[in-house]
C-alpha atoms as a PDB file:
ATOM      1  CA  UNK A   1      87.993  -4.306  44.363  1.00  0.00           C
ATOM      2  CA  UNK A   2      87.696  -2.703  40.914  1.00  0.00           C
ATOM      3  CA  UNK A   3      86.966  -4.284  37.526  1.00  0.00           C
ATOM      4  CA  UNK A   4      89.173  -3.612  34.497  1.00  0.00           C
ATOM      5  CA  UNK A   5      89.350  -5.050  31.023  1.00  0.00           C
ATOM      6  CA  UNK A   6      92.614  -6.622  30.178  1.00  0.00           C
ATOM      7  CA  UNK A   7      93.089  -7.790  26.558  1.00  0.00           C
ATOM      8  CA  UNK A   8      89.300  -7.921  26.183  1.00  0.00           C
ATOM      9  CA  UNK A   9      88.735 -10.011  29.456  1.00  0.00           C
ATOM     10  CA  UNK A  10      87.296  -8.683  32.570  1.00  0.00           C
ATOM     11  CA  UNK A  11      89.583  -8.857  35.640  1.00  0.00           C
ATOM     12  CA  UNK A  12      89.167  -7.836  39.283  1.00  0.00           C
ATOM     13  CA  UNK A  13      91.978  -6.097  40.992  1.00  0.00           C
ATOM     14  CA  UNK A  14      92.453  -4.299  44.242  1.00  0.00           C
ATOM     15  CA  UNK A  15      91.791  -0.660  44.467  1.00  0.00           C
ATOM     16  CA  UNK A  16      94.700   1.805  44.406  1.00  0.00           C
ATOM     17  CA  UNK A  17      96.847  -0.298  42.084  1.00  0.00           C
ATOM     18  CA  UNK A  18      99.499   0.594  39.600  1.00  0.00           C
ATOM     19  CA  UNK A  19     100.524  -1.012  36.322  1.00  0.00           C
ATOM     20  CA  UNK A  20     103.515  -2.762  37.749  1.00  0.00           C
ATOM     21  CA  UNK A  21     101.423  -4.208  40.629  1.00  0.00           C
ATOM     22  CA  UNK A  22      98.785  -5.297  38.025  1.00  0.00           C
ATOM     23  CA  UNK A  23     101.394  -7.016  36.051  1.00  0.00           C
ATOM     24  CA  UNK A  24     102.565  -9.022  39.091  1.00  0.00           C
ATOM     25  CA  UNK A  25      98.847  -9.830  40.131  1.00  0.00           C
ATOM     26  CA  UNK A  26      97.939 -11.143  36.707  1.00  0.00           C
ATOM     27  CA  UNK A  27     101.279 -13.072  36.533  1.00  0.00           C
ATOM     28  CA  UNK A  28     102.833 -11.854  33.389  1.00  0.00           C
ATOM     29  CA  UNK A  29     106.281 -13.344  33.607  1.00  0.00           C
ATOM     30  CA  UNK A  30     107.541 -12.280  30.268  1.00  0.00           C
ATOM     31  CA  UNK A  31     108.957  -8.670  30.296  1.00  0.00           C
ATOM     32  CA  UNK A  32     109.012  -8.201  26.596  1.00  0.00           C
ATOM     33  CA  UNK A  33     105.661  -6.283  26.185  1.00  0.00           C
ATOM     34  CA  UNK A  34     104.161  -2.994  25.994  1.00  0.00           C
ATOM     35  CA  UNK A  35     101.058  -1.626  27.797  1.00  0.00           C
ATOM     36  CA  UNK A  36      98.477   0.692  26.624  1.00  0.00           C
ATOM     37  CA  UNK A  37      95.872   2.082  29.141  1.00  0.00           C
ATOM     38  CA  UNK A  38      92.610   3.400  27.547  1.00  0.00           C
ATOM     39  CA  UNK A  39      94.491   3.347  24.075  1.00  0.00           C
ATOM     40  CA  UNK A  40      97.502   5.352  25.101  1.00  0.00           C
ATOM     41  CA  UNK A  41     101.014   3.657  25.443  1.00  0.00           C
ATOM     42  CA  UNK A  42     102.529   3.850  28.833  1.00  0.00           C
ATOM     43  CA  UNK A  43     106.317   3.937  29.076  1.00  0.00           C
ATOM     44  CA  UNK A  44     107.966   1.404  31.206  1.00  0.00           C
ATOM     45  CA  UNK A  45     109.479   4.125  33.461  1.00  0.00           C
ATOM     46  CA  UNK A  46     105.877   5.191  34.315  1.00  0.00           C
ATOM     47  CA  UNK A  47     104.332   1.906  35.334  1.00  0.00           C
ATOM     48  CA  UNK A  48     104.950   2.431  39.101  1.00  0.00           C
ATOM     49  CA  UNK A  49     103.209   5.803  39.057  1.00  0.00           C
ATOM     50  CA  UNK A  50     100.456   5.093  36.636  1.00  0.00           C
ATOM     51  CA  UNK A  51      97.263   4.125  38.700  1.00  0.00           C
ATOM     52  CA  UNK A  52      94.616   1.915  37.331  1.00  0.00           C
ATOM     53  CA  UNK A  53      90.774   2.940  37.887  1.00  0.00           C
ATOM     54  CA  UNK A  54      87.737   1.079  37.604  1.00  0.00           C
ATOM     55  CA  UNK A  55      86.531   0.209  34.097  1.00  0.00           C
ATOM     56  CA  UNK A  56      89.958   0.961  32.633  1.00  0.00           C
ATOM     57  CA  UNK A  57      90.866  -0.808  29.503  1.00  0.00           C
ATOM     58  CA  UNK A  58      94.412  -2.356  29.273  1.00  0.00           C
ATOM     59  CA  UNK A  59      95.982  -3.926  26.497  1.00  0.00           C
ATOM     60  CA  UNK A  60      99.111  -5.958  27.140  1.00  0.00           C
ATOM     61  CA  UNK A  61     100.802  -6.385  23.650  1.00  0.00           C
ATOM     62  CA  UNK A  62     103.721  -8.672  22.817  1.00  0.00           C
ATOM     63  CA  UNK A  63     106.246  -7.409  20.196  1.00  0.00           C
ATOM     64  CA  UNK A  64     105.812  -9.009  16.816  1.00  0.00           C
ATOM     65  CA  UNK A  65     108.903 -10.441  14.766  1.00  0.00           C
ATOM     66  CA  UNK A  66     109.116 -11.059  11.121  1.00  0.00           C
ATOM     67  CA  UNK A  67     107.775  -9.322   7.994  1.00  0.00           C
END
Protein backbone atom coordinates (compact mmCIF):
# COMPACT_ATOMS: atom_id res chain seq x y z
CA UNK A 1 0.00 0.00 0.00
CA UNK A 2 1.02 3.58 -0.62
CA UNK A 3 -0.20 6.73 1.05
CA UNK A 4 -1.44 9.64 -1.07
CA UNK A 5 -3.23 12.88 -0.32
CA UNK A 6 -6.56 13.40 -2.08
CA UNK A 7 -8.22 16.79 -1.64
CA UNK A 8 -6.18 17.33 1.53
CA UNK A 9 -7.01 13.96 3.11
CA UNK A 10 -4.62 11.02 3.48
CA UNK A 11 -5.73 7.89 1.65
CA UNK A 12 -4.15 4.47 1.27
CA UNK A 13 -4.28 2.74 -2.10
CA UNK A 14 -2.52 -0.25 -3.63
CA UNK A 15 0.84 0.17 -5.30
CA UNK A 16 1.05 0.43 -9.09
CA UNK A 17 -2.32 2.15 -9.43
CA UNK A 18 -3.32 4.63 -12.11
CA UNK A 19 -5.73 7.56 -11.89
CA UNK A 20 -8.67 5.62 -13.40
CA UNK A 21 -8.25 2.84 -10.84
CA UNK A 22 -7.89 5.35 -8.00
CA UNK A 23 -11.16 7.02 -9.01
CA UNK A 24 -12.93 3.64 -8.84
CA UNK A 25 -11.34 2.67 -5.51
CA UNK A 26 -12.30 6.00 -3.94
CA UNK A 27 -15.81 5.63 -5.41
CA UNK A 28 -16.08 8.89 -7.33
CA UNK A 29 -19.33 8.25 -9.19
CA UNK A 30 -19.77 11.64 -10.86
CA UNK A 31 -17.66 11.87 -14.01
CA UNK A 32 -17.81 15.68 -14.14
CA UNK A 33 -14.49 16.57 -12.55
CA UNK A 34 -10.88 17.32 -13.36
CA UNK A 35 -7.82 15.78 -11.75
CA UNK A 36 -4.56 17.48 -10.85
CA UNK A 37 -1.55 15.39 -9.86
CA UNK A 38 1.05 17.27 -7.83
CA UNK A 39 -0.35 20.55 -9.13
CA UNK A 40 -0.49 19.56 -12.81
CA UNK A 41 -3.76 18.97 -14.68
CA UNK A 42 -4.08 15.44 -16.10
CA UNK A 43 -6.12 15.02 -19.30
CA UNK A 44 -8.92 12.45 -19.17
CA UNK A 45 -7.30 10.42 -21.96
CA UNK A 46 -4.16 10.06 -19.79
CA UNK A 47 -5.91 8.64 -16.68
CA UNK A 48 -5.17 4.99 -17.60
CA UNK A 49 -1.47 5.58 -18.19
CA UNK A 50 -0.77 8.02 -15.34
CA UNK A 51 0.60 6.10 -12.36
CA UNK A 52 0.25 7.34 -8.80
CA UNK A 53 3.23 7.16 -6.47
CA UNK A 54 3.65 7.26 -2.70
CA UNK A 55 3.13 10.77 -1.25
CA UNK A 56 1.52 12.16 -4.45
CA UNK A 57 -0.96 14.99 -3.96
CA UNK A 58 -4.15 14.68 -5.96
CA UNK A 59 -6.90 17.24 -6.31
CA UNK A 60 -10.25 16.18 -7.72
CA UNK A 61 -12.03 19.32 -8.78
CA UNK A 62 -15.70 19.70 -9.72
CA UNK A 63 -16.56 22.35 -12.31
CA UNK A 64 -18.05 25.55 -10.93
CA UNK A 65 -21.15 27.04 -12.50
CA UNK A 66 -22.27 30.61 -12.24
CA UNK A 67 -20.62 33.96 -12.04
